[in-house]
Amino acid sequence: MSSRPGGHLMSNLGFLEDKFDTQLASRQDDRFLLSLIPYEKTTTYKKGTRNGPEAIVDASGHIELFDEKLRIDASKWGIRTLRPTITDLTSITKHAADLSMPDTGLAGFIGGEHSITPAIIEGLGLSDIGIVWVDAHSDLRKSYCGREDNHACAGYNSLRFGRIVQIGIRSLAEEEVEVLERDDRVLIFPEWDAAARTALRELPDDVYFSFDLDGFSPELMRAVGTPEPGGLSWSAAQEILDFVYANKTVKAFDVVELCPNEEDVVSSFTAARLVYKMLQYHAHYKLREFGR
């Protein structure tokens, strides 16, 4: 192991790799790809999201493989962790474009700041899709701090790929309210409720799922760059995942904005559990019939 900025340890292990049997699936047969995207260029409050991906991998070694709710172990279908060389958003787009996935597989991206989301969607070649967006912030600014690629513009920059339903939103700038008033392609909900479920149901069948960890309540997730009072509980997040994976086809997902703190292992562990839950729900609804 070696140290990296922030004092966190970095290993060459992949997600869960110190727990699951990598021989169960050959590298060519892996149904899950997880790309670590430690991109951080535009954060404006607490910095350190570049350390989030490796902190999540570090914590993943302590997760139980069997899902107590879904009664399934997604690791049996193989999880390959990728560490691409990332220099800018263009390199993220190229990496996503170069990925090759089996028809029943799922690609996940672990950030880094939220500006990676539109770069990933572009690289995957997705269009006319639904976008499920969990976040404390709408990220609907056209520009912020002089940059149109700022993480506060990620939602605005994702609108060109499809309609967005945002859940957990509890902080809006005036210019974002103006976007919401004139553009019916994006709907926001502060909580997970019947209205949010209806909006998700009306999205296209194929969706991209973006989960900013500050969508959680800071009582659960404190180690984020821009925390906000209020937010989702763990049970609400699981309900959202269950609803989305049961009713839609998740083409890919990202989990972003962990700002790890060595004195707050709960946040890193919760983020790792969330990433694995994304895989578990896919296995539950899409892979059971293939066996393993």
C-alpha atoms as a PDB file:
ATOM      1  CA  MET A   1       0.000   0.000   0.000  1.00  0.00           C
ATOM      2  CA  SER A   2       1.045   3.597  -0.510  1.00  0.00           C
ATOM      3  CA  SER A   3      -0.198   6.883   0.863  1.00  0.00           C
ATOM      4  CA  ARG A   4      -1.988   9.512  -1.179  1.00  0.00           C
ATOM      5  CA  PRO A   5      -3.061  13.110  -0.585  1.00  0.00           C
ATOM      6  CA  GLY A   6      -5.150  13.424   2.541  1.00  0.00           C
ATOM      7  CA  GLY A   7      -3.325  10.628   4.328  1.00  0.00           C
ATOM      8  CA  HIS A   8      -5.594   7.851   3.057  1.00  0.00           C
ATOM      9  CA  LEU A   9      -4.158   4.519   2.030  1.00  0.00           C
ATOM     10  CA  MET A  10      -4.232   3.433  -1.587  1.00  0.00           C
ATOM     11  CA  SER A  11      -3.984  -0.224  -2.575  1.00  0.00           C
ATOM     12  CA  ASN A  12      -4.054  -1.976  -5.903  1.00  0.00           C
ATOM     13  CA  LEU A  13      -7.105  -3.950  -4.835  1.00  0.00           C
ATOM     14  CA  GLY A  14     -10.404  -3.507  -6.596  1.00  0.00           C
ATOM     15  CA  PHE A  15     -13.815  -2.911  -5.088  1.00  0.00           C
ATOM     16  CA  LEU A  16     -14.536  -5.800  -2.667  1.00  0.00           C
ATOM     17  CA  GLU A  17     -11.568  -7.659  -4.116  1.00  0.00           C
ATOM     18  CA  ASP A  18     -10.044  -8.533  -0.753  1.00  0.00           C
ATOM     19  CA  LYS A  19     -13.285 -10.366   0.104  1.00  0.00           C
ATOM     20  CA  PHE A  20     -14.804 -12.029  -2.950  1.00  0.00           C
ATOM     21  CA  ASP A  21     -13.425 -14.924  -4.989  1.00  0.00           C
ATOM     22  CA  THR A  22     -12.154 -13.413  -8.233  1.00  0.00           C
ATOM     23  CA  GLN A  23     -12.074 -16.890  -9.767  1.00  0.00           C
ATOM     24  CA  LEU A  24     -15.873 -17.150  -9.753  1.00  0.00           C
ATOM     25  CA  ALA A  25     -15.953 -15.076 -12.910  1.00  0.00           C
ATOM     26  CA  SER A  26     -13.122 -14.622 -15.343  1.00  0.00           C
ATOM     27  CA  ARG A  27     -12.117 -11.054 -16.065  1.00  0.00           C
ATOM     28  CA  GLN A  28     -13.756 -11.368 -19.480  1.00  0.00           C
ATOM     29  CA  ASP A  29     -17.044 -12.491 -17.913  1.00  0.00           C
ATOM     30  CA  ASP A  30     -17.371  -9.751 -15.307  1.00  0.00           C
ATOM     31  CA  ARG A  31     -20.843  -8.255 -15.431  1.00  0.00           C
ATOM     32  CA  PHE A  32     -19.869  -5.185 -13.383  1.00  0.00           C
ATOM     33  CA  LEU A  33     -17.279  -2.536 -14.207  1.00  0.00           C
ATOM     34  CA  LEU A  34     -16.439   0.168 -11.671  1.00  0.00           C
ATOM     35  CA  SER A  35     -14.296   3.062 -12.879  1.00  0.00           C
ATOM     36  CA  LEU A  36     -12.579   5.268 -10.327  1.00  0.00           C
ATOM     37  CA  ILE A  37     -12.761   8.893 -11.505  1.00  0.00           C
ATOM     38  CA  PRO A  38     -10.795  11.062  -9.005  1.00  0.00           C
ATOM     39  CA  TYR A  39     -11.518  14.288 -10.861  1.00  0.00           C
ATOM     40  CA  GLU A  40     -11.624  17.498  -8.827  1.00  0.00           C
ATOM     41  CA  LYS A  41     -11.144  20.859 -10.490  1.00  0.00           C
ATOM     42  CA  THR A  42     -14.028  23.132  -9.472  1.00  0.00           C
ATOM     43  CA  THR A  43     -15.008  22.392  -5.860  1.00  0.00           C
ATOM     44  CA  THR A  44     -15.542  25.637  -3.956  1.00  0.00           C
ATOM     45  CA  TYR A  45     -16.030  24.757  -0.289  1.00  0.00           C
ATOM     46  CA  LYS A  46     -14.515  21.648   1.243  1.00  0.00           C
ATOM     47  CA  LYS A  47     -11.995  20.018  -1.080  1.00  0.00           C
ATOM     48  CA  GLY A  48     -10.898  16.396  -1.202  1.00  0.00           C
ATOM     49  CA  THR A  49     -13.394  14.650  -3.484  1.00  0.00           C
ATOM     50  CA  ARG A  50     -10.419  13.415  -5.507  1.00  0.00           C
ATOM     51  CA  ASN A  51      -9.750  11.064  -2.585  1.00  0.00           C
ATOM     52  CA  GLY A  52     -13.301   9.720  -2.550  1.00  0.00           C
ATOM     53  CA  PRO A  53     -12.933   6.816  -5.005  1.00  0.00           C
ATOM     54  CA  GLU A  54     -10.027   5.165  -3.213  1.00  0.00           C
ATOM     55  CA  ALA A  55     -11.633   5.729   0.199  1.00  0.00           C
ATOM     56  CA  ILE A  56     -14.707   3.898  -1.052  1.00  0.00           C
ATOM     57  CA  VAL A  57     -12.595   1.014  -2.337  1.00  0.00           C
ATOM     58  CA  ASP A  58     -10.748   0.898   0.999  1.00  0.00           C
ATOM     59  CA  ALA A  59     -14.037   0.696   2.898  1.00  0.00           C
ATOM     60  CA  SER A  60     -15.514  -1.894   0.546  1.00  0.00           C
ATOM     61  CA  GLY A  61     -13.314  -4.616   1.999  1.00  0.00           C
ATOM     62  CA  HIS A  62     -15.452  -4.558   5.146  1.00  0.00           C
ATOM     63  CA  ILE A  63     -18.851  -4.993   3.473  1.00  0.00           C
ATOM     64  CA  GLU A  64     -20.744  -8.259   3.761  1.00  0.00           C
ATOM     65  CA  LEU A  65     -21.188  -9.719   0.290  1.00  0.00           C
ATOM     66  CA  PHE A  66     -24.651 -11.163   0.883  1.00  0.00           C
ATOM     67  CA  ASP A  67     -27.495  -8.643   0.799  1.00  0.00           C
ATOM     68  CA  GLU A  68     -29.710  -9.180   3.812  1.00  0.00           C
ATOM     69  CA  LYS A  69     -32.715  -7.615   2.071  1.00  0.00           C
ATOM     70  CA  LEU A  70     -32.408  -8.882  -1.496  1.00  0.00           C
ATOM     71  CA  ARG A  71     -30.946 -12.283  -0.554  1.00  0.00           C
ATOM     72  CA  ILE A  72     -28.310 -12.100  -3.257  1.00  0.00           C
ATOM     73  CA  ASP A  73     -24.534 -11.723  -3.639  1.00  0.00           C
ATOM     74  CA  ALA A  74     -23.718  -9.545  -6.645  1.00  0.00           C
ATOM     75  CA  SER A  75     -19.986 -10.238  -6.397  1.00  0.00           C
ATOM     76  CA  LYS A  76     -20.603 -13.702  -7.871  1.00  0.00           C
ATOM     77  CA  TRP A  77     -21.134 -12.068 -11.246  1.00  0.00           C
ATOM     78  CA  GLY A  78     -17.675 -10.474 -11.124  1.00  0.00           C
ATOM     79  CA  ILE A  79     -16.647  -6.897 -10.395  1.00  0.00           C
ATOM     80  CA  ARG A  80     -13.748  -5.353 -12.273  1.00  0.00           C
ATOM     81  CA  THR A  81     -12.305  -2.111 -10.906  1.00  0.00           C
ATOM     82  CA  LEU A  82     -10.688   0.255 -13.400  1.00  0.00           C
ATOM     83  CA  ARG A  83      -8.306   3.105 -12.646  1.00  0.00           C
ATOM     84  CA  PRO A  84      -8.136   5.095 -15.881  1.00  0.00           C
ATOM     85  CA  THR A  85      -5.756   7.992 -16.295  1.00  0.00           C
ATOM     86  CA  ILE A  86      -7.904  11.093 -15.810  1.00  0.00           C
ATOM     87  CA  THR A  87      -6.578  14.542 -16.630  1.00  0.00           C
ATOM     88  CA  ASP A  88      -9.678  16.476 -17.663  1.00  0.00           C
ATOM     89  CA  LEU A  89     -13.319  15.999 -18.588  1.00  0.00           C
ATOM     90  CA  THR A  90     -12.391  15.018 -22.136  1.00  0.00           C
ATOM     91  CA  SER A  91     -10.369  12.082 -20.819  1.00  0.00           C
ATOM     92  CA  ILE A  92     -13.400  10.969 -18.801  1.00  0.00           C
ATOM     93  CA  THR A  93     -15.577  11.060 -21.909  1.00  0.00           C
ATOM     94  CA  LYS A  94     -12.993   9.050 -23.850  1.00  0.00           C
ATOM     95  CA  HIS A  95     -12.719   6.456 -21.090  1.00  0.00           C
ATOM     96  CA  ALA A  96     -16.493   5.990 -20.995  1.00  0.00           C
ATOM     97  CA  ALA A  97     -16.597   5.683 -24.788  1.00  0.00           C
ATOM     98  CA  ASP A  98     -13.927   2.968 -24.728  1.00  0.00           C
ATOM     99  CA  LEU A  99     -15.753   0.730 -22.242  1.00  0.00           C
ATOM    100  CA  SER A 100     -17.092  -2.569 -23.530  1.00  0.00           C
ATOM    101  CA  MET A 101     -19.901  -4.112 -21.508  1.00  0.00           C
ATOM    102  CA  PRO A 102     -21.907  -7.325 -21.911  1.00  0.00           C
ATOM    103  CA  ASP A 103     -25.578  -6.760 -22.693  1.00  0.00           C
ATOM    104  CA  THR A 104     -26.639  -7.656 -19.154  1.00  0.00           C
ATOM    105  CA  GLY A 105     -23.792  -5.815 -17.420  1.00  0.00           C
ATOM    106  CA  LEU A 106     -23.634  -2.519 -15.606  1.00  0.00           C
ATOM    107  CA  ALA A 107     -20.981   0.183 -15.505  1.00  0.00           C
ATOM    108  CA  GLY A 108     -20.520   2.387 -12.454  1.00  0.00           C
ATOM    109  CA  PHE A 109     -18.344   5.452 -11.979  1.00  0.00           C
ATOM    110  CA  ILE A 110     -17.070   6.583  -8.587  1.00  0.00           C
ATOM    111  CA  GLY A 111     -16.094  10.276  -8.332  1.00  0.00           C
ATOM    112  CA  GLY A 112     -14.776  12.841  -7.774  1.00  0.00           C
ATOM    113  CA  GLU A 113     -16.879  15.929  -8.201  1.00  0.00           C
ATOM    114  CA  HIS A 114     -20.283  15.984  -9.878  1.00  0.00           C
ATOM    115  CA  SER A 115     -19.048  17.641 -13.067  1.00  0.00           C
ATOM    116  CA  ILE A 116     -18.044  14.158 -14.256  1.00  0.00           C
ATOM    117  CA  THR A 117     -21.671  13.144 -14.885  1.00  0.00           C
ATOM    118  CA  PRO A 118     -22.359  14.846 -18.252  1.00  0.00           C
ATOM    119  CA  ALA A 119     -18.886  13.825 -19.455  1.00  0.00           C
ATOM    120  CA  ILE A 120     -19.692  10.181 -18.669  1.00  0.00           C
ATOM    121  CA  ILE A 121     -23.139  10.240 -20.278  1.00  0.00           C
ATOM    122  CA  GLU A 122     -21.665  11.784 -23.420  1.00  0.00           C
ATOM    123  CA  GLY A 123     -18.955   9.130 -23.585  1.00  0.00           C
ATOM    124  CA  LEU A 124     -21.462   6.314 -23.183  1.00  0.00           C
ATOM    125  CA  GLY A 125     -23.378   7.669 -26.164  1.00  0.00           C
ATOM    126  CA  LEU A 126     -26.660   7.875 -24.257  1.00  0.00           C
ATOM    127  CA  SER A 127     -29.420  10.153 -25.534  1.00  0.00           C
ATOM    128  CA  ASP A 128     -33.155  10.598 -25.036  1.00  0.00           C
ATOM    129  CA  ILE A 129     -32.801   8.812 -21.706  1.00  0.00           C
ATOM    130  CA  GLY A 130     -34.157   9.488 -18.257  1.00  0.00           C
ATOM    131  CA  ILE A 131     -31.760  10.739 -15.624  1.00  0.00           C
ATOM    132  CA  VAL A 132     -32.355   9.955 -11.957  1.00  0.00           C
ATOM    133  CA  TRP A 133     -30.504  12.541  -9.890  1.00  0.00           C
ATOM    134  CA  VAL A 134     -30.172  12.314  -6.105  1.00  0.00           C
ATOM    135  CA  ASP A 135     -28.585  15.445  -4.660  1.00  0.00           C
ATOM    136  CA  ALA A 136     -28.978  18.286  -2.181  1.00  0.00           C
ATOM    137  CA  HIS A 137     -28.432  20.742  -5.055  1.00  0.00           C
ATOM    138  CA  SER A 138     -29.977  21.042  -8.501  1.00  0.00           C
ATOM    139  CA  ASP A 139     -26.678  22.000 -10.185  1.00  0.00           C
ATOM    140  CA  LEU A 140     -28.665  23.922 -12.794  1.00  0.00           C
ATOM    141  CA  ARG A 141     -26.451  26.965 -13.126  1.00  0.00           C
ATOM    142  CA  LYS A 142     -25.316  27.710 -16.669  1.00  0.00           C
ATOM    143  CA  SER A 143     -22.006  28.958 -15.309  1.00  0.00           C
ATOM    144  CA  TYR A 144     -20.420  29.253 -11.875  1.00  0.00           C
ATOM    145  CA  CYS A 145     -17.180  30.925 -10.804  1.00  0.00           C
ATOM    146  CA  GLY A 146     -16.502  31.705 -14.443  1.00  0.00           C
ATOM    147  CA  ARG A 147     -16.751  28.092 -15.636  1.00  0.00           C
ATOM    148  CA  GLU A 148     -19.519  26.351 -17.544  1.00  0.00           C
ATOM    149  CA  ASP A 149     -18.042  22.965 -16.585  1.00  0.00           C
ATOM    150  CA  ASN A 150     -18.285  23.688 -12.844  1.00  0.00           C
ATOM    151  CA  HIS A 151     -19.764  20.972 -10.628  1.00  0.00           C
ATOM    152  CA  ALA A 152     -22.610  23.415  -9.911  1.00  0.00           C
ATOM    153  CA  CYS A 153     -23.514  23.205 -13.625  1.00  0.00           C
ATOM    154  CA  ALA A 154     -23.621  19.403 -13.892  1.00  0.00           C
ATOM    155  CA  GLY A 155     -27.416  19.190 -13.967  1.00  0.00           C
ATOM    156  CA  TYR A 156     -27.720  21.948 -16.562  1.00  0.00           C
ATOM    157  CA  ASN A 157     -25.084  20.264 -18.724  1.00  0.00           C
ATOM    158  CA  SER A 158     -26.889  16.909 -18.460  1.00  0.00           C
ATOM    159  CA  LEU A 159     -30.215  18.235 -19.761  1.00  0.00           C
ATOM    160  CA  ARG A 160     -29.136  17.760 -23.358  1.00  0.00           C
ATOM    161  CA  PHE A 161     -29.173  13.986 -22.838  1.00  0.00           C
ATOM    162  CA  GLY A 162     -32.711  13.637 -21.499  1.00  0.00           C
ATOM    163  CA  ARG A 163     -35.282  14.506 -18.860  1.00  0.00           C
ATOM    164  CA  ILE A 164     -34.128  14.651 -15.237  1.00  0.00           C
ATOM    165  CA  VAL A 165     -35.934  13.842 -12.013  1.00  0.00           C
ATOM    166  CA  GLN A 166     -34.054  15.168  -8.992  1.00  0.00           C
ATOM    167  CA  ILE A 167     -34.710  13.917  -5.461  1.00  0.00           C
ATOM    168  CA  GLY A 168     -33.386  15.312  -2.198  1.00  0.00           C
ATOM    169  CA  ILE A 169     -33.069  18.883  -3.490  1.00  0.00           C
ATOM    170  CA  ARG A 170     -33.095  21.427  -0.671  1.00  0.00           C
ATOM    171  CA  SER A 171     -30.882  24.268  -1.870  1.00  0.00           C
ATOM    172  CA  LEU A 172     -31.552  26.394  -4.958  1.00  0.00           C
ATOM    173  CA  ALA A 173     -30.075  29.551  -6.428  1.00  0.00           C
ATOM    174  CA  GLU A 174     -32.433  32.109  -7.974  1.00  0.00           C
ATOM    175  CA  GLU A 175     -31.127  31.383 -11.466  1.00  0.00           C
ATOM    176  CA  GLU A 176     -31.847  27.678 -10.935  1.00  0.00           C
ATOM    177  CA  VAL A 177     -35.431  28.470  -9.978  1.00  0.00           C
ATOM    178  CA  GLU A 178     -35.711  30.395 -13.249  1.00  0.00           C
ATOM    179  CA  VAL A 179     -34.511  27.325 -15.162  1.00  0.00           C
ATOM    180  CA  LEU A 180     -37.073  25.163 -13.383  1.00  0.00           C
ATOM    181  CA  GLU A 181     -39.869  27.622 -14.206  1.00  0.00           C
ATOM    182  CA  ARG A 182     -39.140  27.680 -17.925  1.00  0.00           C
ATOM    183  CA  ASP A 183     -37.855  24.158 -18.616  1.00  0.00           C
ATOM    184  CA  ASP A 184     -40.167  21.203 -18.057  1.00  0.00           C
ATOM    185  CA  ARG A 185     -37.383  18.698 -18.746  1.00  0.00           C
ATOM    186  CA  VAL A 186     -36.341  18.749 -15.104  1.00  0.00           C
ATOM    187  CA  LEU A 187     -38.454  18.180 -12.001  1.00  0.00           C
ATOM    188  CA  ILE A 188     -37.259  18.466  -8.414  1.00  0.00           C
ATOM    189  CA  PHE A 189     -38.475  16.891  -5.180  1.00  0.00           C
ATOM    190  CA  PRO A 190     -37.071  17.581  -1.709  1.00  0.00           C
ATOM    191  CA  GLU A 191     -38.232  14.217  -0.424  1.00  0.00           C
ATOM    192  CA  TRP A 192     -38.975  10.701  -1.610  1.00  0.00           C
ATOM    193  CA  ASP A 193     -42.745  10.675  -1.882  1.00  0.00           C
ATOM    194  CA  ALA A 194     -45.635   9.718  -4.159  1.00  0.00           C
ATOM    195  CA  ALA A 195     -45.031  12.686  -6.459  1.00  0.00           C
ATOM    196  CA  ALA A 196     -41.390  11.686  -6.936  1.00  0.00           C
ATOM    197  CA  ARG A 197     -42.419   8.105  -7.699  1.00  0.00           C
ATOM    198  CA  THR A 198     -44.885   9.322 -10.320  1.00  0.00           C
ATOM    199  CA  ALA A 199     -42.221  11.494 -11.959  1.00  0.00           C
ATOM    200  CA  LEU A 200     -39.741   8.616 -12.068  1.00  0.00           C
ATOM    201  CA  ARG A 201     -42.338   6.308 -13.556  1.00  0.00           C
ATOM    202  CA  GLU A 202     -42.877   8.779 -16.406  1.00  0.00           C
ATOM    203  CA  LEU A 203     -39.193   8.815 -17.390  1.00  0.00           C
ATOM    204  CA  PRO A 204     -38.068   6.725 -20.387  1.00  0.00           C
ATOM    205  CA  ASP A 205     -37.360   3.052 -19.735  1.00  0.00           C
ATOM    206  CA  ASP A 206     -33.576   3.522 -20.024  1.00  0.00           C
ATOM    207  CA  VAL A 207     -32.084   5.716 -17.307  1.00  0.00           C
ATOM    208  CA  TYR A 208     -28.761   6.947 -16.014  1.00  0.00           C
ATOM    209  CA  PHE A 209     -28.553   7.143 -12.217  1.00  0.00           C
ATOM    210  CA  SER A 210     -26.428   9.860 -10.585  1.00  0.00           C
ATOM    211  CA  PHE A 211     -26.150   9.873  -6.799  1.00  0.00           C
ATOM    212  CA  ASP A 212     -24.446  12.822  -5.110  1.00  0.00           C
ATOM    213  CA  LEU A 213     -23.771  11.752  -1.542  1.00  0.00           C
ATOM    214  CA  ASP A 214     -24.888  15.086  -0.111  1.00  0.00           C
ATOM    215  CA  GLY A 215     -28.376  13.935  -1.053  1.00  0.00           C
ATOM    216  CA  PHE A 216     -28.204  12.019   2.216  1.00  0.00           C
ATOM    217  CA  SER A 217     -28.917  13.693   5.521  1.00  0.00           C
ATOM    218  CA  PRO A 218     -25.676  14.924   7.156  1.00  0.00           C
ATOM    219  CA  GLU A 219     -26.743  12.844  10.153  1.00  0.00           C
ATOM    220  CA  LEU A 220     -25.784   9.868   8.000  1.00  0.00           C
ATOM    221  CA  MET A 221     -23.281  11.345   5.521  1.00  0.00           C
ATOM    222  CA  ARG A 222     -21.106  14.143   6.885  1.00  0.00           C
ATOM    223  CA  ALA A 223     -18.003  13.784   4.712  1.00  0.00           C
ATOM    224  CA  VAL A 224     -19.169  15.686   1.637  1.00  0.00           C
ATOM    225  CA  GLY A 225     -17.923  18.878   0.062  1.00  0.00           C
ATOM    226  CA  THR A 226     -21.142  20.865   0.438  1.00  0.00           C
ATOM    227  CA  PRO A 227     -23.407  19.460   3.180  1.00  0.00           C
ATOM    228  CA  GLU A 228     -26.963  20.712   3.585  1.00  0.00           C
ATOM    229  CA  PRO A 229     -29.464  20.298   6.461  1.00  0.00           C
ATOM    230  CA  GLY A 230     -32.245  17.819   5.805  1.00  0.00           C
ATOM    231  CA  GLY A 231     -31.870  15.059   3.273  1.00  0.00           C
ATOM    232  CA  LEU A 232     -32.573  11.394   2.691  1.00  0.00           C
ATOM    233  CA  SER A 233     -32.295   8.517   5.126  1.00  0.00           C
ATOM    234  CA  TRP A 234     -30.642   5.195   4.284  1.00  0.00           C
ATOM    235  CA  SER A 235     -34.036   3.491   4.069  1.00  0.00           C
ATOM    236  CA  ALA A 236     -35.353   6.151   1.683  1.00  0.00           C
ATOM    237  CA  ALA A 237     -32.292   5.715  -0.538  1.00  0.00           C
ATOM    238  CA  GLN A 238     -32.889   1.962  -0.682  1.00  0.00           C
ATOM    239  CA  GLU A 239     -36.516   2.545  -1.607  1.00  0.00           C
ATOM    240  CA  ILE A 240     -35.444   4.835  -4.448  1.00  0.00           C
ATOM    241  CA  LEU A 241     -32.966   2.256  -5.731  1.00  0.00           C
ATOM    242  CA  ASP A 242     -35.541  -0.510  -5.488  1.00  0.00           C
ATOM    243  CA  PHE A 243     -38.136   1.537  -7.373  1.00  0.00           C
ATOM    244  CA  VAL A 244     -35.740   2.609 -10.132  1.00  0.00           C
ATOM    245  CA  TYR A 245     -34.163  -0.800 -10.720  1.00  0.00           C
ATOM    246  CA  ALA A 246     -37.545  -2.550 -10.608  1.00  0.00           C
ATOM    247  CA  ASN A 247     -39.215  -0.195 -13.090  1.00  0.00           C
ATOM    248  CA  LYS A 248     -36.380   0.969 -15.353  1.00  0.00           C
ATOM    249  CA  THR A 249     -33.223  -0.299 -17.006  1.00  0.00           C
ATOM    250  CA  VAL A 250     -30.243   1.439 -15.426  1.00  0.00           C
ATOM    251  CA  LYS A 251     -27.703   1.817 -18.221  1.00  0.00           C
ATOM    252  CA  ALA A 252     -24.967   3.147 -15.924  1.00  0.00           C
ATOM    253  CA  PHE A 253     -24.573   5.067 -12.683  1.00  0.00           C
ATOM    254  CA  ASP A 254     -22.237   7.281 -10.728  1.00  0.00           C
ATOM    255  CA  VAL A 255     -21.713   7.977  -7.032  1.00  0.00           C
ATOM    256  CA  VAL A 256     -19.935  11.264  -6.409  1.00  0.00           C
ATOM    257  CA  GLU A 257     -18.738  13.904  -3.952  1.00  0.00           C
ATOM    258  CA  LEU A 258     -17.440  11.861  -1.021  1.00  0.00           C
ATOM    259  CA  CYS A 259     -14.876  14.070   0.694  1.00  0.00           C
ATOM    260  CA  PRO A 260     -13.284  11.460   2.989  1.00  0.00           C
ATOM    261  CA  ASN A 261     -12.286  12.197   6.533  1.00  0.00           C
ATOM    262  CA  GLU A 262     -10.155   9.720   8.486  1.00  0.00           C
ATOM    263  CA  GLU A 263     -12.171  10.499  11.614  1.00  0.00           C
ATOM    264  CA  ASP A 264     -15.461   9.737   9.854  1.00  0.00           C
ATOM    265  CA  VAL A 265     -15.311   6.152   8.630  1.00  0.00           C
ATOM    266  CA  VAL A 266     -19.116   5.996   8.687  1.00  0.00           C
ATOM    267  CA  SER A 267     -19.363   8.193   5.593  1.00  0.00           C
ATOM    268  CA  SER A 268     -16.829   6.175   3.588  1.00  0.00           C
ATOM    269  CA  PHE A 269     -18.428   2.893   4.609  1.00  0.00           C
ATOM    270  CA  THR A 270     -21.933   4.159   3.802  1.00  0.00           C
ATOM    271  CA  ALA A 271     -20.751   5.329   0.383  1.00  0.00           C
ATOM    272  CA  ALA A 272     -19.219   1.912  -0.285  1.00  0.00           C
ATOM    273  CA  ARG A 273     -22.449   0.207   0.802  1.00  0.00           C
ATOM    274  CA  LEU A 274     -24.384   2.453  -1.579  1.00  0.00           C
ATOM    275  CA  VAL A 275     -22.132   1.532  -4.514  1.00  0.00           C
ATOM    276  CA  TYR A 276     -22.575  -2.155  -3.745  1.00  0.00           C
ATOM    277  CA  LYS A 277     -26.340  -1.684  -3.368  1.00  0.00           C
ATOM    278  CA  MET A 278     -26.363  -0.307  -6.922  1.00  0.00           C
ATOM    279  CA  LEU A 279     -24.822  -3.600  -8.064  1.00  0.00           C
ATOM    280  CA  GLN A 280     -27.027  -5.732  -5.816  1.00  0.00           C
ATOM    281  CA  TYR A 281     -30.250  -4.269  -7.171  1.00  0.00           C
ATOM    282  CA  HIS A 282     -29.050  -4.809 -10.737  1.00  0.00           C
ATOM    283  CA  ALA A 283     -28.200  -8.424  -9.906  1.00  0.00           C
ATOM    284  CA  HIS A 284     -31.566  -8.890  -8.202  1.00  0.00           C
ATOM    285  CA  TYR A 285     -33.668  -7.571 -11.072  1.00  0.00           C
ATOM    286  CA  LYS A 286     -31.536  -8.335 -14.154  1.00  0.00           C
ATOM    287  CA  LEU A 287     -29.101 -11.191 -13.472  1.00  0.00           C
ATOM    288  CA  ARG A 288     -30.845 -13.825 -11.348  1.00  0.00           C
ATOM    289  CA  GLU A 289     -32.096 -15.681 -14.410  1.00  0.00           C
ATOM    290  CA  PHE A 290     -28.523 -16.180 -15.653  1.00  0.00           C
ATOM    291  CA  GLY A 291     -27.378 -17.907 -12.448  1.00  0.00           C
ATOM    292  CA  ARG A 292     -23.824 -17.945 -11.160  1.00  0.00           C
END
